[in-house]
Amino acid sequence: MQLDLLYLLFTFVLAIFLGFELISKVPSQLHTPLMSGANAISGITIVGALIAAGNVENPAIATFLGFVAVVCASINVTGGYLVTDRMLAMFKSKSGKK
């Protein structure tokens, strides 16, 4: 049990570090496609969080952490789609101007 928690903590810290390093090295031209891909991954995260919320071994802890994960992933998906839509709207041509 203790070793499992240590593995999960290690994976979490590694994901934070790698995510920061990868995103900081992305050129600005690729942020919109990258954000669209990240939104898809966050959608998958919502499914995983719902599964975690239904854990029967520790129902109180799993439900709380699953709820927090669903809320955070939902905020990430919504914000990502709004920002992506706004960025893509900047490239649309204005129909009234020549």
PDB file of N, CA and C in Angstrom:
ATOM      1  N   MET A   1       0.832  -1.201   0.000  1.00  0.00           N
ATOM      2  CA  MET A   1       0.000   0.000   0.000  1.00  0.00           C
ATOM      3  C   MET A   1       0.871   1.257   0.000  1.00  0.00           C
ATOM      4  N   GLN A   2       1.876   1.285   0.878  1.00  0.00           N
ATOM      5  CA  GLN A   2       2.760   2.447   0.983  1.00  0.00           C
ATOM      6  C   GLN A   2       3.578   2.626  -0.294  1.00  0.00           C
ATOM      7  N   LEU A   3       4.005   1.509  -0.881  1.00  0.00           N
ATOM      8  CA  LEU A   3       4.806   1.566  -2.094  1.00  0.00           C
ATOM      9  C   LEU A   3       3.966   2.046  -3.272  1.00  0.00           C
ATOM     10  N   ASP A   4       2.691   1.659  -3.309  1.00  0.00           N
ATOM     11  CA  ASP A   4       1.801   2.133  -4.368  1.00  0.00           C
ATOM     12  C   ASP A   4       1.637   3.644  -4.309  1.00  0.00           C
ATOM     13  N   LEU A   5       1.485   4.170  -3.117  1.00  0.00           N
ATOM     14  CA  LEU A   5       1.343   5.615  -2.948  1.00  0.00           C
ATOM     15  C   LEU A   5       2.613   6.336  -3.392  1.00  0.00           C
ATOM     16  N   LEU A   6       3.759   5.762  -3.100  1.00  0.00           N
ATOM     17  CA  LEU A   6       5.034   6.354  -3.516  1.00  0.00           C
ATOM     18  C   LEU A   6       5.150   6.359  -5.041  1.00  0.00           C
ATOM     19  N   TYR A   7       4.729   5.273  -5.703  1.00  0.00           N
ATOM     20  CA  TYR A   7       4.742   5.227  -7.163  1.00  0.00           C
ATOM     21  C   TYR A   7       3.804   6.267  -7.762  1.00  0.00           C
ATOM     22  N   LEU A   8       2.627   6.412  -7.187  1.00  0.00           N
ATOM     23  CA  LEU A   8       1.679   7.403  -7.691  1.00  0.00           C
ATOM     24  C   LEU A   8       2.209   8.822  -7.506  1.00  0.00           C
ATOM     25  N   LEU A   9       2.827   9.101  -6.381  1.00  0.00           N
ATOM     26  CA  LEU A   9       3.399  10.418  -6.127  1.00  0.00           C
ATOM     27  C   LEU A   9       4.547  10.695  -7.100  1.00  0.00           C
ATOM     28  N   PHE A  10       5.392   9.692  -7.329  1.00  0.00           N
ATOM     29  CA  PHE A  10       6.493   9.848  -8.280  1.00  0.00           C
ATOM     30  C   PHE A  10       5.966  10.137  -9.682  1.00  0.00           C
ATOM     31  N   THR A  11       4.937   9.408 -10.108  1.00  0.00           N
ATOM     32  CA  THR A  11       4.346   9.616 -11.423  1.00  0.00           C
ATOM     33  C   THR A  11       3.748  11.008 -11.545  1.00  0.00           C
ATOM     34  N   PHE A  12       3.089  11.471 -10.494  1.00  0.00           N
ATOM     35  CA  PHE A  12       2.482  12.798 -10.492  1.00  0.00           C
ATOM     36  C   PHE A  12       3.545  13.892 -10.624  1.00  0.00           C
ATOM     37  N   VAL A  13       4.605  13.797  -9.839  1.00  0.00           N
ATOM     38  CA  VAL A  13       5.677  14.800  -9.890  1.00  0.00           C
ATOM     39  C   VAL A  13       6.381  14.757 -11.254  1.00  0.00           C
ATOM     40  N   LEU A  14       6.594  13.572 -11.783  1.00  0.00           N
ATOM     41  CA  LEU A  14       7.232  13.439 -13.094  1.00  0.00           C
ATOM     42  C   LEU A  14       6.359  14.040 -14.193  1.00  0.00           C
ATOM     43  N   ALA A  15       5.047  13.837 -14.110  1.00  0.00           N
ATOM     44  CA  ALA A  15       4.139  14.406 -15.102  1.00  0.00           C
ATOM     45  C   ALA A  15       4.144  15.928 -15.046  1.00  0.00           C
ATOM     46  N   ILE A  16       4.198  16.499 -13.853  1.00  0.00           N
ATOM     47  CA  ILE A  16       4.266  17.955 -13.711  1.00  0.00           C
ATOM     48  C   ILE A  16       5.546  18.486 -14.339  1.00  0.00           C
ATOM     49  N   PHE A  17       6.659  17.876 -14.016  1.00  0.00           N
ATOM     50  CA  PHE A  17       7.944  18.333 -14.535  1.00  0.00           C
ATOM     51  C   PHE A  17       8.010  18.220 -16.057  1.00  0.00           C
ATOM     52  N   LEU A  18       7.629  17.054 -16.596  1.00  0.00           N
ATOM     53  CA  LEU A  18       7.687  16.864 -18.046  1.00  0.00           C
ATOM     54  C   LEU A  18       6.702  17.775 -18.774  1.00  0.00           C
ATOM     55  N   GLY A  19       5.519  17.946 -18.214  1.00  0.00           N
ATOM     56  CA  GLY A  19       4.543  18.845 -18.828  1.00  0.00           C
ATOM     57  C   GLY A  19       5.057  20.264 -18.919  1.00  0.00           C
ATOM     58  N   PHE A  20       5.650  20.750 -17.849  1.00  0.00           N
ATOM     59  CA  PHE A  20       6.198  22.109 -17.844  1.00  0.00           C
ATOM     60  C   PHE A  20       7.329  22.245 -18.854  1.00  0.00           C
ATOM     61  N   GLU A  21       8.222  21.277 -18.879  1.00  0.00           N
ATOM     62  CA  GLU A  21       9.360  21.335 -19.801  1.00  0.00           C
ATOM     63  C   GLU A  21       8.902  21.272 -21.258  1.00  0.00           C
ATOM     64  N   LEU A  22       7.944  20.419 -21.564  1.00  0.00           N
ATOM     65  CA  LEU A  22       7.494  20.292 -22.945  1.00  0.00           C
ATOM     66  C   LEU A  22       6.730  21.522 -23.417  1.00  0.00           C
ATOM     67  N   ILE A  23       5.831  22.030 -22.597  1.00  0.00           N
ATOM     68  CA  ILE A  23       5.019  23.175 -23.006  1.00  0.00           C
ATOM     69  C   ILE A  23       5.869  24.433 -23.141  1.00  0.00           C
ATOM     70  N   SER A  24       6.878  24.592 -22.306  1.00  0.00           N
ATOM     71  CA  SER A  24       7.701  25.802 -22.377  1.00  0.00           C
ATOM     72  C   SER A  24       8.567  25.846 -23.641  1.00  0.00           C
ATOM     73  N   LYS A  25       8.759  24.710 -24.291  1.00  0.00           N
ATOM     74  CA  LYS A  25       9.592  24.663 -25.494  1.00  0.00           C
ATOM     75  C   LYS A  25       8.783  24.643 -26.794  1.00  0.00           C
ATOM     76  N   VAL A  26       7.474  24.789 -26.721  1.00  0.00           N
ATOM     77  CA  VAL A  26       6.624  24.764 -27.914  1.00  0.00           C
ATOM     78  C   VAL A  26       6.600  26.157 -28.548  1.00  0.00           C
ATOM     79  N   PRO A  27       6.855  26.257 -29.865  1.00  0.00           N
ATOM     80  CA  PRO A  27       6.765  27.564 -30.524  1.00  0.00           C
ATOM     81  C   PRO A  27       5.331  28.096 -30.490  1.00  0.00           C
ATOM     82  N   SER A  28       5.200  29.407 -30.561  1.00  0.00           N
ATOM     83  CA  SER A  28       3.878  30.025 -30.421  1.00  0.00           C
ATOM     84  C   SER A  28       2.932  29.633 -31.554  1.00  0.00           C
ATOM     85  N   GLN A  29       3.440  29.278 -32.736  1.00  0.00           N
ATOM     86  CA  GLN A  29       2.578  28.896 -33.854  1.00  0.00           C
ATOM     87  C   GLN A  29       1.864  27.568 -33.602  1.00  0.00           C
ATOM     88  N   LEU A  30       2.388  26.771 -32.702  1.00  0.00           N
ATOM     89  CA  LEU A  30       1.810  25.451 -32.461  1.00  0.00           C
ATOM     90  C   LEU A  30       0.896  25.403 -31.242  1.00  0.00           C
ATOM     91  N   HIS A  31       0.691  26.521 -30.568  1.00  0.00           N
ATOM     92  CA  HIS A  31      -0.108  26.478 -29.343  1.00  0.00           C
ATOM     93  C   HIS A  31      -1.566  26.121 -29.602  1.00  0.00           C
ATOM     94  N   THR A  32      -2.164  26.603 -30.697  1.00  0.00           N
ATOM     95  CA  THR A  32      -3.574  26.289 -30.966  1.00  0.00           C
ATOM     96  C   THR A  32      -3.774  24.808 -31.244  1.00  0.00           C
ATOM     97  N   PRO A  33      -2.988  24.160 -32.139  1.00  0.00           N
ATOM     98  CA  PRO A  33      -3.180  22.714 -32.324  1.00  0.00           C
ATOM     99  C   PRO A  33      -2.852  21.921 -31.064  1.00  0.00           C
ATOM    100  N   LEU A  34      -1.855  22.366 -30.326  1.00  0.00           N
ATOM    101  CA  LEU A  34      -1.496  21.665 -29.096  1.00  0.00           C
ATOM    102  C   LEU A  34      -2.614  21.773 -28.074  1.00  0.00           C
ATOM    103  N   MET A  35      -3.257  22.943 -28.002  1.00  0.00           N
ATOM    104  CA  MET A  35      -4.354  23.132 -27.060  1.00  0.00           C
ATOM    105  C   MET A  35      -5.534  22.248 -27.436  1.00  0.00           C
ATOM    106  N   SER A  36      -5.790  22.086 -28.733  1.00  0.00           N
ATOM    107  CA  SER A  36      -6.881  21.212 -29.162  1.00  0.00           C
ATOM    108  C   SER A  36      -6.606  19.766 -28.751  1.00  0.00           C
ATOM    109  N   GLY A  37      -5.381  19.337 -28.897  1.00  0.00           N
ATOM    110  CA  GLY A  37      -5.020  17.984 -28.456  1.00  0.00           C
ATOM    111  C   GLY A  37      -5.115  17.830 -26.951  1.00  0.00           C
ATOM    112  N   ALA A  38      -4.723  18.861 -26.230  1.00  0.00           N
ATOM    113  CA  ALA A  38      -4.815  18.813 -24.772  1.00  0.00           C
ATOM    114  C   ALA A  38      -6.267  18.766 -24.317  1.00  0.00           C
ATOM    115  N   ASN A  39      -7.161  19.417 -25.045  1.00  0.00           N
ATOM    116  CA  ASN A  39      -8.580  19.356 -24.710  1.00  0.00           C
ATOM    117  C   ASN A  39      -9.111  17.936 -24.869  1.00  0.00           C
ATOM    118  N   ALA A  40      -8.671  17.246 -25.899  1.00  0.00           N
ATOM    119  CA  ALA A  40      -9.100  15.859 -26.093  1.00  0.00           C
ATOM    120  C   ALA A  40      -8.590  14.976 -24.955  1.00  0.00           C
ATOM    121  N   ILE A  41      -7.355  15.199 -24.537  1.00  0.00           N
ATOM    122  CA  ILE A  41      -6.800  14.429 -23.423  1.00  0.00           C
ATOM    123  C   ILE A  41      -7.549  14.742 -22.138  1.00  0.00           C
ATOM    124  N   SER A  42      -7.936  15.988 -21.937  1.00  0.00           N
ATOM    125  CA  SER A  42      -8.697  16.337 -20.740  1.00  0.00           C
ATOM    126  C   SER A  42     -10.079  15.692 -20.754  1.00  0.00           C
ATOM    127  N   GLY A  43     -10.635  15.503 -21.932  1.00  0.00           N
ATOM    128  CA  GLY A  43     -11.899  14.774 -22.022  1.00  0.00           C
ATOM    129  C   GLY A  43     -11.740  13.337 -21.553  1.00  0.00           C
ATOM    130  N   ILE A  44     -10.626  12.722 -21.908  1.00  0.00           N
ATOM    131  CA  ILE A  44     -10.333  11.372 -21.441  1.00  0.00           C
ATOM    132  C   ILE A  44     -10.101  11.386 -19.932  1.00  0.00           C
ATOM    133  N   THR A  45      -9.495  12.446 -19.419  1.00  0.00           N
ATOM    134  CA  THR A  45      -9.266  12.582 -17.986  1.00  0.00           C
ATOM    135  C   THR A  45     -10.584  12.613 -17.223  1.00  0.00           C
ATOM    136  N   ILE A  46     -11.596  13.247 -17.801  1.00  0.00           N
ATOM    137  CA  ILE A  46     -12.903  13.288 -17.145  1.00  0.00           C
ATOM    138  C   ILE A  46     -13.460  11.872 -17.003  1.00  0.00           C
ATOM    139  N   VAL A  47     -13.299  11.056 -18.027  1.00  0.00           N
ATOM    140  CA  VAL A  47     -13.775   9.672 -17.947  1.00  0.00           C
ATOM    141  C   VAL A  47     -13.022   8.915 -16.855  1.00  0.00           C
ATOM    142  N   GLY A  48     -11.707   9.083 -16.806  1.00  0.00           N
ATOM    143  CA  GLY A  48     -10.918   8.435 -15.764  1.00  0.00           C
ATOM    144  C   GLY A  48     -11.287   8.908 -14.369  1.00  0.00           C
ATOM    145  N   ALA A  49     -11.590  10.198 -14.238  1.00  0.00           N
ATOM    146  CA  ALA A  49     -11.984  10.735 -12.940  1.00  0.00           C
ATOM    147  C   ALA A  49     -13.333  10.172 -12.496  1.00  0.00           C
ATOM    148  N   LEU A  50     -14.237   9.984 -13.442  1.00  0.00           N
ATOM    149  CA  LEU A  50     -15.529   9.375 -13.101  1.00  0.00           C
ATOM    150  C   LEU A  50     -15.352   7.930 -12.650  1.00  0.00           C
ATOM    151  N   ILE A  51     -14.444   7.215 -13.297  1.00  0.00           N
ATOM    152  CA  ILE A  51     -14.166   5.837 -12.877  1.00  0.00           C
ATOM    153  C   ILE A  51     -13.540   5.836 -11.483  1.00  0.00           C
ATOM    154  N   ALA A  52     -12.618   6.768 -11.228  1.00  0.00           N
ATOM    155  CA  ALA A  52     -11.981   6.854  -9.911  1.00  0.00           C
ATOM    156  C   ALA A  52     -12.991   7.215  -8.831  1.00  0.00           C
ATOM    157  N   ALA A  53     -13.971   8.034  -9.182  1.00  0.00           N
ATOM    158  CA  ALA A  53     -14.986   8.426  -8.200  1.00  0.00           C
ATOM    159  C   ALA A  53     -15.851   7.245  -7.800  1.00  0.00           C
ATOM    160  N   GLY A  54     -15.931   6.235  -8.633  1.00  0.00           N
ATOM    161  CA  GLY A  54     -16.726   5.058  -8.311  1.00  0.00           C
ATOM    162  C   GLY A  54     -15.941   3.952  -7.637  1.00  0.00           C
ATOM    163  N   ASN A  55     -14.749   4.230  -7.147  1.00  0.00           N
ATOM    164  CA  ASN A  55     -13.918   3.240  -6.472  1.00  0.00           C
ATOM    165  C   ASN A  55     -14.623   2.743  -5.218  1.00  0.00           C
ATOM    166  N   VAL A  56     -14.668   1.420  -5.024  1.00  0.00           N
ATOM    167  CA  VAL A  56     -15.395   0.866  -3.888  1.00  0.00           C
ATOM    168  C   VAL A  56     -14.507   0.579  -2.679  1.00  0.00           C
ATOM    169  N   GLU A  57     -13.192   0.616  -2.852  1.00  0.00           N
ATOM    170  CA  GLU A  57     -12.301   0.318  -1.730  1.00  0.00           C
ATOM    171  C   GLU A  57     -12.299   1.451  -0.702  1.00  0.00           C
ATOM    172  N   ASN A  58     -12.167   2.666  -1.136  1.00  0.00           N
ATOM    173  CA  ASN A  58     -12.188   3.842  -0.261  1.00  0.00           C
ATOM    174  C   ASN A  58     -13.228   4.813  -0.806  1.00  0.00           C
ATOM    175  N   PRO A  59     -14.504   4.585  -0.533  1.00  0.00           N
ATOM    176  CA  PRO A  59     -15.529   5.381  -1.206  1.00  0.00           C
ATOM    177  C   PRO A  59     -15.481   6.869  -0.875  1.00  0.00           C
ATOM    178  N   ALA A  60     -15.169   7.237   0.346  1.00  0.00           N
ATOM    179  CA  ALA A  60     -15.172   8.666   0.696  1.00  0.00           C
ATOM    180  C   ALA A  60     -14.018   9.399   0.014  1.00  0.00           C
ATOM    181  N   ILE A  61     -12.831   8.836   0.100  1.00  0.00           N
ATOM    182  CA  ILE A  61     -11.652   9.477  -0.494  1.00  0.00           C
ATOM    183  C   ILE A  61     -11.766   9.480  -2.016  1.00  0.00           C
ATOM    184  N   ALA A  62     -12.185   8.347  -2.584  1.00  0.00           N
ATOM    185  CA  ALA A  62     -12.288   8.242  -4.038  1.00  0.00           C
ATOM    186  C   ALA A  62     -13.339   9.203  -4.589  1.00  0.00           C
ATOM    187  N   THR A  63     -14.449   9.310  -3.898  1.00  0.00           N
ATOM    188  CA  THR A  63     -15.499  10.218  -4.362  1.00  0.00           C
ATOM    189  C   THR A  63     -15.030  11.663  -4.317  1.00  0.00           C
ATOM    190  N   PHE A  64     -14.373  12.046  -3.245  1.00  0.00           N
ATOM    191  CA  PHE A  64     -13.879  13.426  -3.125  1.00  0.00           C
ATOM    192  C   PHE A  64     -12.830  13.728  -4.184  1.00  0.00           C
ATOM    193  N   LEU A  65     -11.820  12.866  -4.311  1.00  0.00           N
ATOM    194  CA  LEU A  65     -10.760  13.112  -5.297  1.00  0.00           C
ATOM    195  C   LEU A  65     -11.291  13.019  -6.724  1.00  0.00           C
ATOM    196  N   GLY A  66     -12.227  12.097  -6.963  1.00  0.00           N
ATOM    197  CA  GLY A  66     -12.839  12.009  -8.283  1.00  0.00           C
ATOM    198  C   GLY A  66     -13.628  13.257  -8.627  1.00  0.00           C
ATOM    199  N   PHE A  67     -14.352  13.795  -7.638  1.00  0.00           N
ATOM    200  CA  PHE A  67     -15.105  15.033  -7.857  1.00  0.00           C
ATOM    201  C   PHE A  67     -14.168  16.197  -8.179  1.00  0.00           C
ATOM    202  N   VAL A  68     -13.091  16.308  -7.418  1.00  0.00           N
ATOM    203  CA  VAL A  68     -12.112  17.379  -7.668  1.00  0.00           C
ATOM    204  C   VAL A  68     -11.495  17.216  -9.057  1.00  0.00           C
ATOM    205  N   ALA A  69     -11.183  15.986  -9.441  1.00  0.00           N
ATOM    206  CA  ALA A  69     -10.597  15.743 -10.761  1.00  0.00           C
ATOM    207  C   ALA A  69     -11.577  16.084 -11.877  1.00  0.00           C
ATOM    208  N   VAL A  70     -12.849  15.749 -11.694  1.00  0.00           N
ATOM    209  CA  VAL A  70     -13.856  16.068 -12.708  1.00  0.00           C
ATOM    210  C   VAL A  70     -14.011  17.579 -12.848  1.00  0.00           C
ATOM    211  N   VAL A  71     -14.041  18.290 -11.731  1.00  0.00           N
ATOM    212  CA  VAL A  71     -14.186  19.752 -11.770  1.00  0.00           C
ATOM    213  C   VAL A  71     -12.984  20.390 -12.465  1.00  0.00           C
ATOM    214  N   CYS A  72     -11.777  19.985 -12.082  1.00  0.00           N
ATOM    215  CA  CYS A  72     -10.574  20.574 -12.685  1.00  0.00           C
ATOM    216  C   CYS A  72     -10.488  20.268 -14.180  1.00  0.00           C
ATOM    217  N   ALA A  73     -10.763  19.034 -14.568  1.00  0.00           N
ATOM    218  CA  ALA A  73     -10.701  18.681 -15.984  1.00  0.00           C
ATOM    219  C   ALA A  73     -11.790  19.396 -16.778  1.00  0.00           C
ATOM    220  N   SER A  74     -12.960  19.570 -16.184  1.00  0.00           N
ATOM    221  CA  SER A  74     -14.042  20.285 -16.876  1.00  0.00           C
ATOM    222  C   SER A  74     -13.685  21.750 -17.088  1.00  0.00           C
ATOM    223  N   ILE A  75     -13.085  22.361 -16.090  1.00  0.00           N
ATOM    224  CA  ILE A  75     -12.635  23.746 -16.234  1.00  0.00           C
ATOM    225  C   ILE A  75     -11.575  23.840 -17.325  1.00  0.00           C
ATOM    226  N   ASN A  76     -10.670  22.877 -17.353  1.00  0.00           N
ATOM    227  CA  ASN A  76      -9.605  22.865 -18.352  1.00  0.00           C
ATOM    228  C   ASN A  76     -10.177  22.706 -19.755  1.00  0.00           C
ATOM    229  N   VAL A  77     -11.126  21.797 -19.929  1.00  0.00           N
ATOM    230  CA  VAL A  77     -11.723  21.582 -21.247  1.00  0.00           C
ATOM    231  C   VAL A  77     -12.481  22.823 -21.703  1.00  0.00           C
ATOM    232  N   THR A  78     -13.314  23.372 -20.831  1.00  0.00           N
ATOM    233  CA  THR A  78     -14.109  24.545 -21.198  1.00  0.00           C
ATOM    234  C   THR A  78     -13.224  25.739 -21.538  1.00  0.00           C
ATOM    235  N   GLY A  79     -12.269  26.028 -20.688  1.00  0.00           N
ATOM    236  CA  GLY A  79     -11.358  27.142 -20.943  1.00  0.00           C
ATOM    237  C   GLY A  79     -10.534  26.932 -22.193  1.00  0.00           C
ATOM    238  N   GLY A  80     -10.085  25.713 -22.409  1.00  0.00           N
ATOM    239  CA  GLY A  80      -9.291  25.421 -23.599  1.00  0.00           C
ATOM    240  C   GLY A  80     -10.075  25.617 -24.879  1.00  0.00           C
ATOM    241  N   TYR A  81     -11.318  25.157 -24.879  1.00  0.00           N
ATOM    242  CA  TYR A  81     -12.137  25.351 -26.076  1.00  0.00           C
ATOM    243  C   TYR A  81     -12.466  26.825 -26.298  1.00  0.00           C
ATOM    244  N   LEU A  82     -12.711  27.561 -25.248  1.00  0.00           N
ATOM    245  CA  LEU A  82     -12.992  28.992 -25.406  1.00  0.00           C
ATOM    246  C   LEU A  82     -11.785  29.740 -25.954  1.00  0.00           C
ATOM    247  N   VAL A  83     -10.611  29.436 -25.434  1.00  0.00           N
ATOM    248  CA  VAL A  83      -9.396  30.103 -25.908  1.00  0.00           C
ATOM    249  C   VAL A  83      -9.093  29.689 -27.343  1.00  0.00           C
ATOM    250  N   THR A  84      -9.237  28.404 -27.657  1.00  0.00           N
ATOM    251  CA  THR A  84      -8.993  27.944 -29.028  1.00  0.00           C
ATOM    252  C   THR A  84      -9.952  28.608 -30.005  1.00  0.00           C
ATOM    253  N   ASP A  85     -11.229  28.702 -29.628  1.00  0.00           N
ATOM    254  CA  ASP A  85     -12.217  29.349 -30.492  1.00  0.00           C
ATOM    255  C   ASP A  85     -11.870  30.819 -30.709  1.00  0.00           C
ATOM    256  N   ARG A  86     -11.439  31.479 -29.663  1.00  0.00           N
ATOM    257  CA  ARG A  86     -11.068  32.900 -29.799  1.00  0.00           C
ATOM    258  C   ARG A  86      -9.837  33.069 -30.684  1.00  0.00           C
ATOM    259  N   MET A  87      -8.854  32.179 -30.533  1.00  0.00           N
ATOM    260  CA  MET A  87      -7.651  32.275 -31.361  1.00  0.00           C
ATOM    261  C   MET A  87      -7.974  31.997 -32.825  1.00  0.00           C
ATOM    262  N   LEU A  88      -8.829  31.023 -33.092  1.00  0.00           N
ATOM    263  CA  LEU A  88      -9.194  30.721 -34.473  1.00  0.00           C
ATOM    264  C   LEU A  88     -10.046  31.823 -35.082  1.00  0.00           C
ATOM    265  N   ALA A  89     -10.829  32.520 -34.271  1.00  0.00           N
ATOM    266  CA  ALA A  89     -11.641  33.634 -34.768  1.00  0.00           C
ATOM    267  C   ALA A  89     -10.763  34.785 -35.254  1.00  0.00           C
ATOM    268  N   MET A  90      -9.568  34.909 -34.737  1.00  0.00           N
ATOM    269  CA  MET A  90      -8.661  35.972 -35.180  1.00  0.00           C
ATOM    270  C   MET A  90      -8.214  35.748 -36.626  1.00  0.00           C
ATOM    271  N   PHE A  91      -8.252  34.500 -37.107  1.00  0.00           N
ATOM    272  CA  PHE A  91      -7.797  34.197 -38.459  1.00  0.00           C
ATOM    273  C   PHE A  91      -8.921  34.199 -39.481  1.00  0.00           C
ATOM    274  N   LYS A  92     -10.163  34.351 -39.052  1.00  0.00           N
ATOM    275  CA  LYS A  92     -11.280  34.402 -39.991  1.00  0.00           C
ATOM    276  C   LYS A  92     -11.286  35.739 -40.699  1.00  0.00           C
ATOM    277  N   SER A  93     -11.622  35.700 -41.981  1.00  0.00           N
ATOM    278  CA  SER A  93     -11.658  36.947 -42.732  1.00  0.00           C
ATOM    279  C   SER A  93     -12.972  37.672 -42.459  1.00  0.00           C
ATOM    280  N   LYS A  94     -12.911  38.962 -42.508  1.00  0.00           N
ATOM    281  CA  LYS A  94     -14.101  39.774 -42.316  1.00  0.00           C
ATOM    282  C   LYS A  94     -14.854  39.839 -43.644  1.00  0.00           C
ATOM    283  N   SER A  95     -16.119  39.471 -43.654  1.00  0.00           N
ATOM    284  CA  SER A  95     -16.869  39.364 -44.906  1.00  0.00           C
ATOM    285  C   SER A  95     -17.223  40.743 -45.497  1.00  0.00           C
ATOM    286  N   GLY A  96     -17.324  41.782 -44.699  1.00  0.00           N
ATOM    287  CA  GLY A  96     -17.700  43.105 -45.195  1.00  0.00           C
ATOM    288  C   GLY A  96     -16.549  43.900 -45.769  1.00  0.00           C
ATOM    289  N   LYS A  97     -15.303  43.564 -45.448  1.00  0.00           N
ATOM    290  CA  LYS A  97     -14.146  44.343 -45.915  1.00  0.00           C
ATOM    291  C   LYS A  97     -13.469  43.655 -47.076  1.00  0.00           C
ATOM    292  N   LYS A  98     -12.824  44.463 -47.936  1.00  0.00           N
ATOM    293  CA  LYS A  98     -12.056  43.919 -49.058  1.00  0.00           C
ATOM    294  C   LYS A  98     -10.589  43.997 -48.779  1.00  0.00           C
TER     295      LYS A  98
END
